[in-house]
Amino acid sequence: MSEQETLGLAEEFAQYRRTVLDKVEVPGPAAVRRTVRGRNRRRWGATATTVLALFGGSAIGYAAMNGPDRRPGPVDPTPSMSVSPTPDGSTSPTPSPAVNSGGPGSAVPDGRISRAQLLGASVTLPAWRAGPGCPTSAVRISGDDREGVNWLVALDHGDVDADGAVETVALVQCVLGTRGPMQVVAFDRDERGKVVTLGRVVATTIDKPQWLFALDVVGDGTVRVQVGDIAPGGGWPADWSQRQWRGYRWKGDAFAQVSGPTSFGPNRHDVNLVVTATNLVLADAADGSRVGAVTVRIRNGAGPAAYVALRLGLPAEVRPDGSGWATCRNDPETTREPVTCDLNRLEAGKEIQLTLGFRVPAGTTVGTGRADVDVRAMDANFDFVEEVYDVDNTVSISYR
């Protein structure tokens, strides 16, 4: 460095002392302690600044002097830098595992719920059909079929919503007497492990199906349910019901049927004949006999009846008379007690009305009493068909 350059640098430092140092406040004891503690950390930074001032010329020092005021603070240590080795192509870096909260890679709650766990949980059931029934909110499903409870009839497991985890499917009945509505319900667990309701698979209806017999979850997540058209109970057996296996799949917000029949064919036990009849009042005729008539009305409220058998339990002395018996397939005159009239097919929802005349021969005495008027369905082989509801197949009339 030349002598002229040395004198110039000295003049710059002198001007710095005159214009800046008289504005510097004398630090107190606390500041002194901070300065002592930070001296070692700042030593490298101070040394580097001096070197820059010496080699950068007077312009750098003057710019620093005339720049904006800055409060002094600690100098963070310069982070060390490491040089990564250059890949040689023989190995590829292993990526870090991605954190996924809610995506396809996140854990799916386990929906496998045992029978004991389901019986011990408070659950919400889909609404039962209208009318008297069991509760649906905060329900404790029962392990037995006591009156007025939600009874756990059957249980199975499978991945019904295709999320990679198993869910639980239950057949539940609202017990009302010997019957009560039924439904198959799918349950799952939420992220906290609480049992939640996924949805209803299928339920019984007032029409059909009236009964659910069994369930089965197959490998592809289809819930198979065995449904029946007639509900057992009240004295009639379960084998009167036609049974079908129907398959249901989860469609994102509800279950829909994907396999099996969608309707039932005619059931021989599905017929429901209802009979009404007027009383028999006998009056004297010109020939000394006594005559009268009974009006019989037969209505079929359900499935078709191939044939209908009508029986009137009047005394043997009261004989069929008049043209009203022409509808009968048989000859009522050949029957005694009861008098019978076999009728042809009666479709569902149809009815027939007969006005049947009677005569008591002259010189024959018939007192007063009561008689049953009874109707029964027959199949194509003329065999009697037992009805589910048979209390309305018979009516009592008086005669006099």
Protein backbone atom coordinates (compact mmCIF):
# COMPACT_ATOMS: atom_id res chain seq x y z
CA MET A 1 0.00 0.00 0.00
CA SER A 2 1.43 3.43 -0.95
CA GLU A 3 1.97 6.22 1.52
CA GLN A 4 -0.81 8.26 -0.10
CA GLU A 5 -3.31 5.44 0.33
CA THR A 6 -2.26 5.02 3.99
CA LEU A 7 -2.82 8.74 4.72
CA GLY A 8 -6.24 8.57 3.00
CA LEU A 9 -7.33 5.65 5.12
CA ALA A 10 -6.21 7.41 8.32
CA GLU A 11 -8.24 10.49 7.38
CA GLU A 12 -11.36 8.34 6.82
CA PHE A 13 -11.06 6.83 10.35
CA ALA A 14 -10.55 10.25 11.86
CA GLN A 15 -13.72 11.56 10.21
CA TYR A 16 -15.59 8.42 11.45
CA ARG A 17 -14.55 9.15 15.07
CA ARG A 18 -15.59 12.83 14.86
CA THR A 19 -19.08 12.20 13.39
CA VAL A 20 -20.16 8.91 15.04
CA LEU A 21 -18.43 8.16 18.33
CA ASP A 22 -19.79 11.25 20.06
CA LYS A 23 -23.33 9.87 19.49
CA VAL A 24 -22.67 6.47 21.04
CA GLU A 25 -24.22 5.99 24.48
CA VAL A 26 -22.03 4.51 27.15
CA PRO A 27 -23.29 1.02 27.86
CA GLY A 28 -24.49 0.13 31.34
CA PRO A 29 -23.43 -2.90 33.43
CA ALA A 30 -26.06 -5.16 31.84
CA ALA A 31 -24.88 -4.29 28.37
CA VAL A 32 -21.29 -4.93 29.43
CA ARG A 33 -22.22 -8.41 30.66
CA ARG A 34 -24.02 -9.18 27.40
CA THR A 35 -21.00 -7.93 25.47
CA VAL A 36 -18.63 -10.16 27.43
CA ARG A 37 -20.83 -13.20 26.94
CA GLY A 38 -21.13 -12.55 23.20
CA ARG A 39 -17.53 -11.55 22.62
CA ASN A 40 -16.35 -14.96 21.51
CA ARG A 41 -19.34 -15.38 19.17
CA ARG A 42 -18.77 -11.97 17.57
CA ARG A 43 -15.03 -12.26 17.28
CA TRP A 44 -15.19 -13.99 13.90
CA GLY A 45 -17.73 -11.48 12.59
CA ALA A 46 -15.67 -8.50 13.79
CA THR A 47 -12.52 -9.88 12.24
CA ALA A 48 -14.28 -10.41 8.92
CA THR A 49 -15.58 -6.83 8.98
CA THR A 50 -12.10 -5.48 9.54
CA VAL A 51 -10.73 -7.42 6.65
CA LEU A 52 -13.50 -6.13 4.39
CA ALA A 53 -12.79 -2.56 5.50
CA LEU A 54 -9.10 -2.89 4.83
CA PHE A 55 -9.44 -4.50 1.44
CA GLY A 56 -12.64 -2.83 0.25
CA GLY A 57 -11.28 0.74 0.47
CA SER A 58 -12.78 3.82 2.01
CA ALA A 59 -16.02 3.61 0.00
CA ILE A 60 -17.25 0.62 2.02
CA GLY A 61 -16.49 2.20 5.37
CA TYR A 62 -18.17 5.48 4.37
CA ALA A 63 -21.31 3.71 3.12
CA ALA A 64 -21.58 1.84 6.39
CA MET A 65 -21.18 5.09 8.33
CA ASN A 66 -23.92 6.92 6.39
CA GLY A 67 -26.43 3.99 6.19
CA PRO A 68 -29.57 3.61 8.38
CA ASP A 69 -29.10 3.17 12.10
CA ARG A 70 -29.23 -0.49 13.24
CA ARG A 71 -29.58 -1.73 16.78
CA PRO A 72 -26.68 -3.96 17.75
CA GLY A 73 -27.62 -7.61 18.34
CA PRO A 74 -26.06 -11.00 18.62
CA VAL A 75 -24.56 -12.51 15.53
CA ASP A 76 -25.80 -16.02 14.76
CA PRO A 77 -23.04 -18.50 13.98
CA THR A 78 -22.65 -19.28 10.31
CA PRO A 79 -24.20 -22.64 9.59
CA SER A 80 -21.83 -25.30 8.50
CA MET A 81 -22.30 -26.64 5.00
CA SER A 82 -21.80 -30.20 3.92
CA VAL A 83 -21.35 -31.30 0.36
CA SER A 84 -23.44 -34.25 -0.73
CA PRO A 85 -21.56 -36.92 -2.61
CA THR A 86 -22.24 -37.00 -6.31
CA PRO A 87 -24.45 -39.99 -7.18
CA ASP A 88 -22.58 -42.56 -9.15
CA GLY A 89 -25.70 -44.13 -10.63
CA SER A 90 -25.28 -47.38 -8.74
CA THR A 91 -27.90 -46.58 -6.07
CA SER A 92 -31.01 -44.45 -6.01
CA PRO A 93 -32.00 -42.37 -3.01
CA THR A 94 -34.78 -43.82 -0.84
CA PRO A 95 -37.72 -41.39 -0.56
CA SER A 96 -39.05 -40.54 2.87
CA PRO A 97 -42.46 -42.00 3.69
CA ALA A 98 -45.28 -39.56 2.98
CA VAL A 99 -47.58 -38.53 5.80
CA ASN A 100 -51.19 -38.83 4.70
CA SER A 101 -54.00 -37.68 6.97
CA GLY A 102 -57.21 -38.83 5.39
CA GLY A 103 -55.93 -39.97 2.02
CA PRO A 104 -55.95 -43.50 0.64
CA GLY A 105 -52.80 -44.36 2.56
CA SER A 106 -54.19 -43.41 5.96
CA ALA A 107 -55.36 -46.07 8.40
CA VAL A 108 -59.00 -47.12 8.08
CA PRO A 109 -60.86 -47.85 11.34
CA ASP A 110 -61.50 -51.53 12.02
CA GLY A 111 -65.25 -52.15 11.83
CA ARG A 112 -65.21 -55.75 13.05
CA ILE A 113 -67.55 -55.69 16.03
CA SER A 114 -68.19 -58.86 17.99
CA ARG A 115 -71.62 -59.89 19.22
CA ALA A 116 -70.71 -58.95 22.79
CA GLN A 117 -69.34 -55.55 21.71
CA LEU A 118 -72.45 -54.76 19.67
CA LEU A 119 -74.75 -55.75 22.53
CA GLY A 120 -72.75 -53.49 24.82
CA ALA A 121 -72.72 -50.44 22.54
CA SER A 122 -75.23 -47.62 22.30
CA VAL A 123 -76.18 -47.39 18.62
CA THR A 124 -78.56 -45.56 16.32
CA LEU A 125 -80.82 -47.71 14.16
CA PRO A 126 -82.51 -46.64 10.93
CA ALA A 127 -86.16 -45.76 11.53
CA TRP A 128 -88.62 -48.60 11.88
CA ARG A 129 -91.69 -48.49 9.68
CA ALA A 130 -94.66 -46.37 10.75
CA GLY A 131 -96.77 -47.57 13.65
CA PRO A 132 -95.91 -48.98 17.07
CA GLY A 133 -92.30 -50.04 17.23
CA CYS A 134 -89.02 -49.96 19.07
CA PRO A 135 -86.74 -46.98 19.73
CA THR A 136 -83.98 -46.04 17.30
CA SER A 137 -81.83 -43.48 19.19
CA ALA A 138 -79.32 -44.49 21.89
CA VAL A 139 -80.42 -48.12 21.43
CA ARG A 140 -79.04 -51.07 23.36
CA ILE A 141 -79.63 -54.12 21.18
CA SER A 142 -80.82 -57.13 23.15
CA GLY A 143 -79.49 -60.68 23.06
CA ASP A 144 -82.98 -62.16 23.56
CA ASP A 145 -86.41 -61.67 22.07
CA ARG A 146 -88.23 -59.97 24.92
CA GLU A 147 -91.28 -57.90 24.05
CA GLY A 148 -90.55 -54.37 22.85
CA VAL A 149 -86.76 -54.74 22.42
CA ASN A 150 -84.45 -54.62 19.41
CA TRP A 151 -83.30 -58.23 19.19
CA LEU A 152 -79.99 -59.22 17.57
CA VAL A 153 -80.99 -62.22 15.44
CA ALA A 154 -77.83 -62.78 13.34
CA LEU A 155 -74.39 -61.25 12.72
CA ASP A 156 -71.73 -61.39 10.00
CA HIS A 157 -68.63 -59.45 8.88
CA GLY A 158 -67.09 -58.29 5.61
CA ASP A 159 -65.74 -55.26 3.73
CA VAL A 160 -69.09 -53.96 2.52
CA ASP A 161 -68.00 -50.40 1.60
CA ALA A 162 -64.72 -51.32 -0.19
CA ASP A 163 -62.51 -49.25 2.13
CA GLY A 164 -60.10 -52.10 2.84
CA ALA A 165 -61.42 -52.72 6.36
CA VAL A 166 -64.08 -55.08 7.68
CA GLU A 167 -67.54 -53.88 8.70
CA THR A 168 -70.27 -55.59 10.74
CA VAL A 169 -73.71 -56.51 9.42
CA ALA A 170 -76.54 -57.38 11.81
CA LEU A 171 -80.09 -58.70 11.47
CA VAL A 172 -82.25 -56.93 14.05
CA GLN A 173 -85.93 -57.40 14.91
CA CYS A 174 -88.26 -55.07 16.78
CA VAL A 175 -90.10 -57.68 18.83
CA LEU A 176 -93.85 -57.13 18.94
CA GLY A 177 -95.69 -60.26 20.00
CA THR A 178 -94.83 -63.17 17.73
CA ARG A 179 -93.89 -60.87 14.87
CA GLY A 180 -92.53 -57.33 14.53
CA PRO A 181 -90.57 -55.58 11.75
CA MET A 182 -87.02 -56.61 10.88
CA GLN A 183 -84.06 -54.94 9.19
CA VAL A 184 -80.46 -55.69 8.26
CA VAL A 185 -78.10 -52.88 9.34
CA ALA A 186 -74.39 -52.30 8.60
CA PHE A 187 -72.19 -50.91 11.39
CA ASP A 188 -68.66 -49.47 11.36
CA ARG A 189 -66.29 -47.64 13.73
CA ASP A 190 -65.20 -44.02 13.49
CA GLU A 191 -61.65 -42.72 14.06
CA ARG A 192 -62.22 -42.75 17.83
CA GLY A 193 -63.37 -46.36 17.82
CA LYS A 194 -67.05 -45.59 18.44
CA VAL A 195 -69.63 -47.86 16.82
CA VAL A 196 -71.51 -45.94 14.11
CA THR A 197 -74.30 -46.89 11.70
CA LEU A 198 -73.30 -47.16 8.04
CA GLY A 199 -76.79 -47.78 6.68
CA ARG A 200 -79.76 -50.10 6.30
CA VAL A 201 -79.38 -52.97 3.85
CA VAL A 202 -83.02 -54.11 3.63
CA ALA A 203 -86.13 -54.13 5.83
CA THR A 204 -89.44 -55.97 6.00
CA THR A 205 -92.58 -54.25 4.77
CA ILE A 206 -96.29 -54.60 5.38
CA ASP A 207 -96.53 -56.07 1.89
CA LYS A 208 -93.46 -58.15 0.97
CA PRO A 209 -90.97 -59.24 2.13
CA GLN A 210 -92.59 -59.81 5.51
CA TRP A 211 -89.70 -61.74 7.04
CA LEU A 212 -85.88 -61.93 6.99
CA PHE A 213 -84.46 -65.38 7.70
CA ALA A 214 -80.65 -65.13 7.35
CA LEU A 215 -77.74 -63.02 6.12
CA ASP A 216 -74.33 -63.69 4.61
CA VAL A 217 -71.52 -61.31 3.56
CA VAL A 218 -69.53 -62.70 0.63
CA GLY A 219 -66.01 -61.92 -0.51
CA ASP A 220 -66.80 -59.03 -2.85
CA GLY A 221 -68.71 -57.16 -0.14
CA THR A 222 -72.18 -58.17 -1.27
CA VAL A 223 -74.60 -58.62 1.62
CA ARG A 224 -76.86 -61.58 0.87
CA VAL A 225 -80.15 -61.69 2.76
CA GLN A 226 -82.70 -64.51 2.71
CA VAL A 227 -86.11 -62.87 2.53
CA GLY A 228 -89.58 -64.40 2.84
CA ASP A 229 -92.94 -63.27 1.52
CA ILE A 230 -95.03 -64.40 4.52
CA ALA A 231 -94.08 -63.83 8.15
CA PRO A 232 -94.42 -66.91 10.39
CA GLY A 233 -96.30 -66.76 13.65
CA GLY A 234 -99.83 -66.81 14.97
CA GLY A 235 -100.08 -70.55 14.49
CA TRP A 236 -98.72 -70.85 10.96
CA PRO A 237 -95.26 -72.27 10.24
CA ALA A 238 -92.28 -70.59 8.61
CA ASP A 239 -92.28 -73.07 5.73
CA TRP A 240 -95.41 -71.41 4.37
CA SER A 241 -93.16 -68.55 3.30
CA GLN A 242 -91.46 -68.50 -0.08
CA ARG A 243 -87.77 -67.76 0.45
CA GLN A 244 -85.32 -65.95 -1.81
CA TRP A 245 -81.68 -64.89 -1.51
CA ARG A 246 -81.18 -61.29 -2.58
CA GLY A 247 -77.84 -59.45 -2.79
CA TYR A 248 -77.20 -55.81 -1.80
CA ARG A 249 -74.17 -53.55 -2.34
CA TRP A 250 -73.08 -50.22 -0.84
CA LYS A 251 -73.39 -47.41 -3.42
CA GLY A 252 -71.66 -44.61 -1.51
CA ASP A 253 -74.64 -43.36 0.46
CA ALA A 254 -77.06 -46.31 0.60
CA PHE A 255 -77.42 -50.01 -0.17
CA ALA A 256 -79.11 -51.15 -3.36
CA GLN A 257 -80.15 -54.59 -4.58
CA VAL A 258 -77.74 -56.01 -7.16
CA SER A 259 -78.72 -59.67 -7.42
CA GLY A 260 -81.56 -62.10 -6.84
CA PRO A 261 -85.29 -61.85 -7.55
CA THR A 262 -87.11 -58.59 -7.01
CA SER A 263 -90.62 -59.99 -6.51
CA PHE A 264 -92.44 -63.10 -5.33
CA GLY A 265 -94.69 -65.38 -7.31
CA PRO A 266 -98.14 -66.46 -6.07
CA ASN A 267 -98.12 -68.16 -2.69
CA ARG A 268 -100.86 -70.70 -2.07
CA HIS A 269 -101.13 -69.53 1.54
CA ASP A 270 -101.38 -65.88 0.58
CA VAL A 271 -105.13 -66.03 -0.07
CA ASN A 272 -107.36 -64.18 2.40
CA LEU A 273 -111.09 -64.91 2.09
CA VAL A 274 -113.54 -62.87 4.14
CA VAL A 275 -117.21 -63.86 4.45
CA THR A 276 -120.30 -62.02 5.64
CA ALA A 277 -123.89 -63.33 5.66
CA THR A 278 -127.38 -62.28 6.68
CA ASN A 279 -129.62 -64.17 9.09
CA LEU A 280 -132.17 -66.69 7.80
CA VAL A 281 -135.78 -65.75 8.47
CA LEU A 282 -138.31 -68.39 7.37
CA ALA A 283 -141.86 -67.43 6.33
CA ASP A 284 -144.94 -69.57 5.58
CA ALA A 285 -145.55 -70.40 1.93
CA ALA A 286 -148.89 -71.22 0.20
CA ASP A 287 -148.09 -74.95 0.07
CA GLY A 288 -147.51 -75.14 3.83
CA SER A 289 -143.72 -75.06 3.61
CA ARG A 290 -141.56 -72.34 5.03
CA VAL A 291 -139.10 -70.40 2.83
CA GLY A 292 -136.35 -67.85 3.27
CA ALA A 293 -132.96 -66.71 1.91
CA VAL A 294 -129.42 -65.94 3.08
CA THR A 295 -127.28 -63.35 1.29
CA VAL A 296 -123.65 -64.41 1.35
CA ARG A 297 -120.80 -62.12 0.32
CA ILE A 298 -117.27 -63.51 -0.19
CA ARG A 299 -114.31 -61.19 -0.69
CA ASN A 300 -110.70 -62.16 -1.46
CA GLY A 301 -108.28 -59.63 0.01
CA ALA A 302 -104.96 -61.22 -1.02
CA GLY A 303 -103.65 -63.91 -3.38
CA PRO A 304 -105.92 -65.74 -5.85
CA ALA A 305 -107.94 -68.77 -4.85
CA ALA A 306 -108.23 -71.46 -7.51
CA TYR A 307 -111.54 -72.59 -6.00
CA VAL A 308 -113.72 -71.58 -3.05
CA ALA A 309 -115.74 -73.96 -0.89
CA LEU A 310 -118.81 -72.50 0.86
CA ARG A 311 -120.45 -74.37 3.73
CA LEU A 312 -123.64 -73.46 5.59
CA GLY A 313 -124.19 -75.37 8.82
CA LEU A 314 -127.98 -75.21 8.87
CA PRO A 315 -130.09 -78.10 10.10
CA ALA A 316 -130.55 -80.94 7.61
CA GLU A 317 -134.29 -80.12 7.34
CA VAL A 318 -133.44 -76.75 5.77
CA ARG A 319 -132.91 -77.53 2.09
CA PRO A 320 -131.47 -75.47 -0.82
CA ASP A 321 -134.16 -73.88 -2.98
CA GLY A 322 -134.31 -71.54 -5.97
CA SER A 323 -132.05 -70.34 -8.79
CA GLY A 324 -129.46 -68.70 -6.57
CA TRP A 325 -127.58 -72.00 -6.31
CA ALA A 326 -126.89 -72.15 -10.06
CA THR A 327 -123.46 -70.64 -9.52
CA CYS A 328 -122.31 -73.70 -7.59
CA ARG A 329 -120.12 -76.22 -9.41
CA ASN A 330 -121.63 -79.08 -7.40
CA ASP A 331 -125.24 -80.06 -6.73
CA PRO A 332 -126.11 -78.67 -3.30
CA GLU A 333 -129.14 -80.98 -3.13
CA THR A 334 -126.81 -83.95 -2.64
CA THR A 335 -125.28 -82.52 0.53
CA ARG A 336 -127.03 -82.60 3.86
CA GLU A 337 -125.40 -80.97 6.86
CA PRO A 338 -123.63 -78.73 6.12
CA VAL A 339 -124.96 -77.67 2.76
CA THR A 340 -122.03 -77.00 0.42
CA CYS A 341 -121.50 -74.87 -2.65
CA ASP A 342 -118.22 -75.13 -4.57
CA LEU A 343 -117.35 -71.96 -6.45
CA ASN A 344 -114.86 -71.23 -9.22
CA ARG A 345 -111.72 -69.11 -9.08
CA LEU A 346 -111.78 -65.89 -7.10
CA GLU A 347 -108.99 -63.42 -7.91
CA ALA A 348 -107.28 -61.20 -5.39
CA GLY A 349 -109.28 -58.06 -4.67
CA LYS A 350 -112.47 -59.52 -6.11
CA GLU A 351 -115.72 -60.55 -4.42
CA ILE A 352 -118.84 -62.56 -5.14
CA GLN A 353 -122.34 -62.16 -3.73
CA LEU A 354 -124.89 -64.96 -3.61
CA THR A 355 -128.55 -64.94 -2.60
CA LEU A 356 -129.29 -68.51 -1.58
CA GLY A 357 -132.87 -69.65 -1.00
CA PHE A 358 -133.99 -72.28 1.54
CA ARG A 359 -137.16 -74.22 2.13
CA VAL A 360 -138.43 -76.30 5.02
CA PRO A 361 -140.96 -78.93 3.78
CA ALA A 362 -144.55 -78.76 5.02
CA GLY A 363 -145.09 -80.66 8.23
CA THR A 364 -141.41 -80.31 9.25
CA THR A 365 -140.67 -78.39 12.40
CA VAL A 366 -137.45 -76.37 12.70
CA GLY A 367 -136.75 -74.39 15.81
CA THR A 368 -134.50 -71.40 16.23
CA GLY A 369 -130.74 -71.50 16.51
CA ARG A 370 -127.42 -70.43 15.11
CA ALA A 371 -125.37 -71.74 12.20
CA ASP A 372 -121.85 -71.14 10.88
CA VAL A 373 -121.27 -69.91 7.35
CA ASP A 374 -117.73 -70.84 6.36
CA VAL A 375 -115.58 -70.30 3.26
CA ARG A 376 -112.26 -72.02 2.43
CA ALA A 377 -109.82 -71.63 -0.43
CA MET A 378 -108.83 -74.66 -2.50
CA ASP A 379 -105.87 -75.14 -4.82
CA ALA A 380 -105.97 -76.55 -8.36
CA ASN A 381 -106.14 -80.09 -6.94
CA PHE A 382 -109.17 -79.17 -4.81
CA ASP A 383 -107.12 -79.47 -1.63
CA PHE A 384 -107.89 -76.98 1.09
CA VAL A 385 -105.35 -74.19 1.52
CA GLU A 386 -104.62 -72.93 5.01
CA GLU A 387 -104.68 -69.17 5.27
CA VAL A 388 -102.49 -66.94 7.34
CA TYR A 389 -105.50 -64.93 8.50
CA ASP A 390 -108.44 -67.29 8.87
CA VAL A 391 -110.44 -65.63 11.63
CA ASP A 392 -112.61 -63.91 9.03
CA ASN A 393 -113.37 -67.12 7.13
CA THR A 394 -116.36 -67.91 9.31
CA VAL A 395 -119.40 -65.94 10.40
CA SER A 396 -122.31 -67.01 12.62
CA ILE A 397 -125.94 -66.38 11.60
CA SER A 398 -129.23 -67.06 13.28
CA TYR A 399 -132.17 -68.93 11.82
CA ARG A 400 -135.79 -69.02 12.88
